[in-house]
Amino acid sequence: MTTDTQALVFLKETTGHLEQIEHLQRRLLALGEEQLEVERRQLEAQDTQNVLAWLQLQQAQGHTPDPTLVDLVRGRLRV
């Protein structure tokens, strides 16, 4: 094999490896985004539970619940 042929083979292999690395990086990024979305939804669910508990506590104490918080919980529970 000549030096030029060896260089071309090496470049083809390297290009293939770089393409594989880029593909894997895109997959990792997509998985990371999915994980962040799952965590965001979990935090939103926890927040909704906390707000709902607060509203129930206010109501149990005879206070009128904040209408903005009531709308927030209703909106989140519809989704």
N, C-alpha and C. Protein backbone atom coordinates (compact mmCIF):
# COMPACT_ATOMS: atom_id res chain seq x y z
N MET A 1 0.85 -1.18 0.00
CA MET A 1 0.00 0.00 0.00
C MET A 1 0.89 1.24 0.00
N THR A 2 0.53 2.19 -0.82
CA THR A 2 1.31 3.42 -0.87
C THR A 2 0.91 4.32 0.29
N THR A 3 1.72 5.29 0.50
CA THR A 3 1.46 6.24 1.59
C THR A 3 0.14 6.97 1.36
N ASP A 4 -0.12 7.34 0.11
CA ASP A 4 -1.37 8.03 -0.21
C ASP A 4 -2.59 7.15 0.08
N THR A 5 -2.49 5.89 -0.29
CA THR A 5 -3.59 4.96 -0.05
C THR A 5 -3.81 4.78 1.44
N GLN A 6 -2.72 4.64 2.19
CA GLN A 6 -2.81 4.49 3.64
C GLN A 6 -3.45 5.72 4.27
N ALA A 7 -3.08 6.88 3.76
CA ALA A 7 -3.63 8.13 4.28
C ALA A 7 -5.13 8.20 4.01
N LEU A 8 -5.54 7.79 2.80
CA LEU A 8 -6.96 7.81 2.46
C LEU A 8 -7.76 6.83 3.32
N VAL A 9 -7.21 5.64 3.55
CA VAL A 9 -7.88 4.66 4.41
C VAL A 9 -8.01 5.22 5.82
N PHE A 10 -6.94 5.82 6.31
CA PHE A 10 -6.96 6.41 7.65
C PHE A 10 -8.01 7.52 7.74
N LEU A 11 -8.05 8.38 6.72
CA LEU A 11 -9.03 9.48 6.72
C LEU A 11 -10.46 8.95 6.67
N LYS A 12 -10.71 7.90 5.89
CA LYS A 12 -12.05 7.31 5.82
C LYS A 12 -12.46 6.75 7.17
N GLU A 13 -11.53 6.05 7.83
CA GLU A 13 -11.82 5.48 9.15
C GLU A 13 -12.09 6.59 10.16
N THR A 14 -11.26 7.60 10.12
CA THR A 14 -11.41 8.73 11.05
C THR A 14 -12.73 9.44 10.81
N THR A 15 -13.08 9.67 9.56
CA THR A 15 -14.35 10.32 9.23
C THR A 15 -15.52 9.48 9.73
N GLY A 16 -15.43 8.17 9.53
CA GLY A 16 -16.48 7.27 10.03
C GLY A 16 -16.61 7.34 11.53
N HIS A 17 -15.48 7.38 12.21
CA HIS A 17 -15.50 7.48 13.67
C HIS A 17 -16.10 8.81 14.13
N LEU A 18 -15.72 9.87 13.44
CA LEU A 18 -16.27 11.19 13.80
C LEU A 18 -17.79 11.22 13.59
N GLU A 19 -18.26 10.61 12.50
CA GLU A 19 -19.69 10.55 12.25
C GLU A 19 -20.39 9.75 13.35
N GLN A 20 -19.78 8.67 13.78
CA GLN A 20 -20.36 7.87 14.86
C GLN A 20 -20.40 8.67 16.15
N ILE A 21 -19.34 9.39 16.42
CA ILE A 21 -19.28 10.22 17.64
C ILE A 21 -20.37 11.29 17.59
N GLU A 22 -20.53 11.95 16.44
CA GLU A 22 -21.56 12.97 16.31
C GLU A 22 -22.96 12.36 16.50
N HIS A 23 -23.17 11.19 15.93
CA HIS A 23 -24.46 10.51 16.08
C HIS A 23 -24.73 10.20 17.56
N LEU A 24 -23.72 9.68 18.24
CA LEU A 24 -23.87 9.36 19.66
C LEU A 24 -24.11 10.61 20.49
N GLN A 25 -23.43 11.69 20.14
CA GLN A 25 -23.63 12.95 20.87
C GLN A 25 -25.06 13.46 20.68
N ARG A 26 -25.60 13.33 19.46
CA ARG A 26 -26.99 13.76 19.22
C ARG A 26 -27.95 12.90 20.04
N ARG A 27 -27.68 11.60 20.10
CA ARG A 27 -28.54 10.71 20.89
C ARG A 27 -28.46 11.05 22.37
N LEU A 28 -27.25 11.33 22.86
CA LEU A 28 -27.09 11.70 24.27
C LEU A 28 -27.82 13.00 24.57
N LEU A 29 -27.71 13.94 23.66
CA LEU A 29 -28.40 15.22 23.83
C LEU A 29 -29.91 15.01 23.88
N ALA A 30 -30.42 14.19 22.98
CA ALA A 30 -31.86 13.91 22.97
C ALA A 30 -32.27 13.22 24.27
N LEU A 31 -31.48 12.27 24.73
CA LEU A 31 -31.79 11.59 25.99
C LEU A 31 -31.74 12.57 27.16
N GLY A 32 -30.76 13.46 27.14
CA GLY A 32 -30.66 14.47 28.19
C GLY A 32 -31.86 15.39 28.20
N GLU A 33 -32.32 15.78 27.01
CA GLU A 33 -33.49 16.64 26.92
C GLU A 33 -34.73 15.91 27.43
N GLU A 34 -34.84 14.62 27.09
CA GLU A 34 -35.98 13.84 27.58
C GLU A 34 -35.94 13.74 29.10
N GLN A 35 -34.76 13.52 29.65
CA GLN A 35 -34.62 13.41 31.10
C GLN A 35 -34.98 14.73 31.78
N LEU A 36 -34.54 15.83 31.19
CA LEU A 36 -34.88 17.14 31.75
C LEU A 36 -36.38 17.38 31.71
N GLU A 37 -37.03 16.95 30.64
CA GLU A 37 -38.49 17.11 30.54
C GLU A 37 -39.19 16.27 31.60
N VAL A 38 -38.71 15.06 31.84
CA VAL A 38 -39.29 14.20 32.87
C VAL A 38 -39.12 14.87 34.24
N GLU A 39 -37.92 15.38 34.51
CA GLU A 39 -37.67 16.04 35.80
C GLU A 39 -38.53 17.29 35.95
N ARG A 40 -38.69 18.05 34.85
CA ARG A 40 -39.53 19.25 34.90
C ARG A 40 -40.97 18.89 35.24
N ARG A 41 -41.47 17.83 34.61
CA ARG A 41 -42.85 17.41 34.87
C ARG A 41 -43.00 16.93 36.32
N GLN A 42 -41.99 16.23 36.82
CA GLN A 42 -42.05 15.76 38.20
C GLN A 42 -42.08 16.94 39.17
N LEU A 43 -41.23 17.94 38.91
CA LEU A 43 -41.21 19.12 39.78
C LEU A 43 -42.52 19.89 39.69
N GLU A 44 -43.08 19.97 38.50
CA GLU A 44 -44.35 20.66 38.35
C GLU A 44 -45.46 19.91 39.09
N ALA A 45 -45.43 18.59 39.04
CA ALA A 45 -46.42 17.79 39.77
C ALA A 45 -46.28 17.99 41.28
N GLN A 46 -45.05 18.02 41.76
CA GLN A 46 -44.81 18.26 43.19
C GLN A 46 -45.30 19.65 43.58
N ASP A 47 -45.00 20.63 42.73
CA ASP A 47 -45.44 21.99 43.00
C ASP A 47 -46.96 22.07 43.03
N THR A 48 -47.60 21.40 42.10
CA THR A 48 -49.07 21.39 42.07
C THR A 48 -49.63 20.77 43.34
N GLN A 49 -49.03 19.68 43.78
CA GLN A 49 -49.47 19.05 45.03
C GLN A 49 -49.29 19.99 46.21
N ASN A 50 -48.17 20.71 46.23
CA ASN A 50 -47.92 21.66 47.32
C ASN A 50 -48.94 22.80 47.31
N VAL A 51 -49.21 23.33 46.12
CA VAL A 51 -50.18 24.42 46.01
C VAL A 51 -51.57 23.93 46.42
N LEU A 52 -51.92 22.73 45.97
CA LEU A 52 -53.22 22.16 46.33
C LEU A 52 -53.34 21.97 47.84
N ALA A 53 -52.28 21.49 48.46
CA ALA A 53 -52.27 21.31 49.92
C ALA A 53 -52.43 22.66 50.61
N TRP A 54 -51.76 23.67 50.09
CA TRP A 54 -51.86 25.01 50.67
C TRP A 54 -53.30 25.53 50.56
N LEU A 55 -53.91 25.33 49.39
CA LEU A 55 -55.29 25.77 49.20
C LEU A 55 -56.23 25.04 50.16
N GLN A 56 -56.02 23.75 50.33
CA GLN A 56 -56.85 22.98 51.26
C GLN A 56 -56.66 23.45 52.69
N LEU A 57 -55.45 23.77 53.06
CA LEU A 57 -55.16 24.29 54.40
C LEU A 57 -55.85 25.63 54.60
N GLN A 58 -55.77 26.51 53.62
CA GLN A 58 -56.45 27.81 53.72
C GLN A 58 -57.95 27.62 53.89
N GLN A 59 -58.50 26.72 53.09
CA GLN A 59 -59.94 26.48 53.15
C GLN A 59 -60.34 25.89 54.51
N ALA A 60 -59.52 24.97 55.02
CA ALA A 60 -59.81 24.35 56.32
C ALA A 60 -59.78 25.38 57.45
N GLN A 61 -58.99 26.41 57.29
CA GLN A 61 -58.89 27.46 58.30
C GLN A 61 -59.93 28.55 58.09
N GLY A 62 -60.79 28.35 57.10
CA GLY A 62 -61.87 29.31 56.88
C GLY A 62 -61.51 30.48 55.99
N HIS A 63 -60.36 30.44 55.38
CA HIS A 63 -59.94 31.52 54.48
C HIS A 63 -60.39 31.22 53.06
N THR A 64 -60.61 32.27 52.31
CA THR A 64 -60.95 32.11 50.90
C THR A 64 -59.65 31.86 50.13
N PRO A 65 -59.58 30.75 49.39
CA PRO A 65 -58.36 30.45 48.63
C PRO A 65 -58.09 31.51 47.56
N ASP A 66 -56.84 31.73 47.31
CA ASP A 66 -56.40 32.69 46.28
C ASP A 66 -56.90 32.20 44.92
N PRO A 67 -57.72 32.97 44.23
CA PRO A 67 -58.27 32.54 42.94
C PRO A 67 -57.19 32.25 41.89
N THR A 68 -56.10 32.97 41.95
CA THR A 68 -55.01 32.74 41.00
C THR A 68 -54.42 31.35 41.19
N LEU A 69 -54.25 30.96 42.46
CA LEU A 69 -53.71 29.62 42.73
C LEU A 69 -54.72 28.54 42.36
N VAL A 70 -55.99 28.82 42.59
CA VAL A 70 -57.03 27.86 42.21
C VAL A 70 -57.00 27.65 40.70
N ASP A 71 -56.91 28.73 39.93
CA ASP A 71 -56.85 28.63 38.47
C ASP A 71 -55.59 27.88 38.02
N LEU A 72 -54.49 28.14 38.71
CA LEU A 72 -53.23 27.46 38.38
C LEU A 72 -53.39 25.94 38.53
N VAL A 73 -53.94 25.53 39.67
CA VAL A 73 -54.11 24.09 39.92
C VAL A 73 -55.09 23.48 38.93
N ARG A 74 -56.19 24.18 38.68
CA ARG A 74 -57.17 23.67 37.70
C ARG A 74 -56.54 23.51 36.32
N GLY A 75 -55.76 24.50 35.93
CA GLY A 75 -55.10 24.43 34.62
C GLY A 75 -54.13 23.27 34.52
N ARG A 76 -53.37 23.07 35.57
CA ARG A 76 -52.39 21.98 35.55
C ARG A 76 -53.07 20.62 35.60
N LEU A 77 -54.16 20.51 36.32
CA LEU A 77 -54.85 19.23 36.43
C LEU A 77 -55.59 18.85 35.15
N ARG A 78 -55.91 19.82 34.33
CA ARG A 78 -56.56 19.56 33.05
C ARG A 78 -55.60 18.96 32.04
N VAL A 79 -54.36 19.31 32.15
CA VAL A 79 -53.35 18.87 31.17
C VAL A 79 -53.05 17.45 31.32
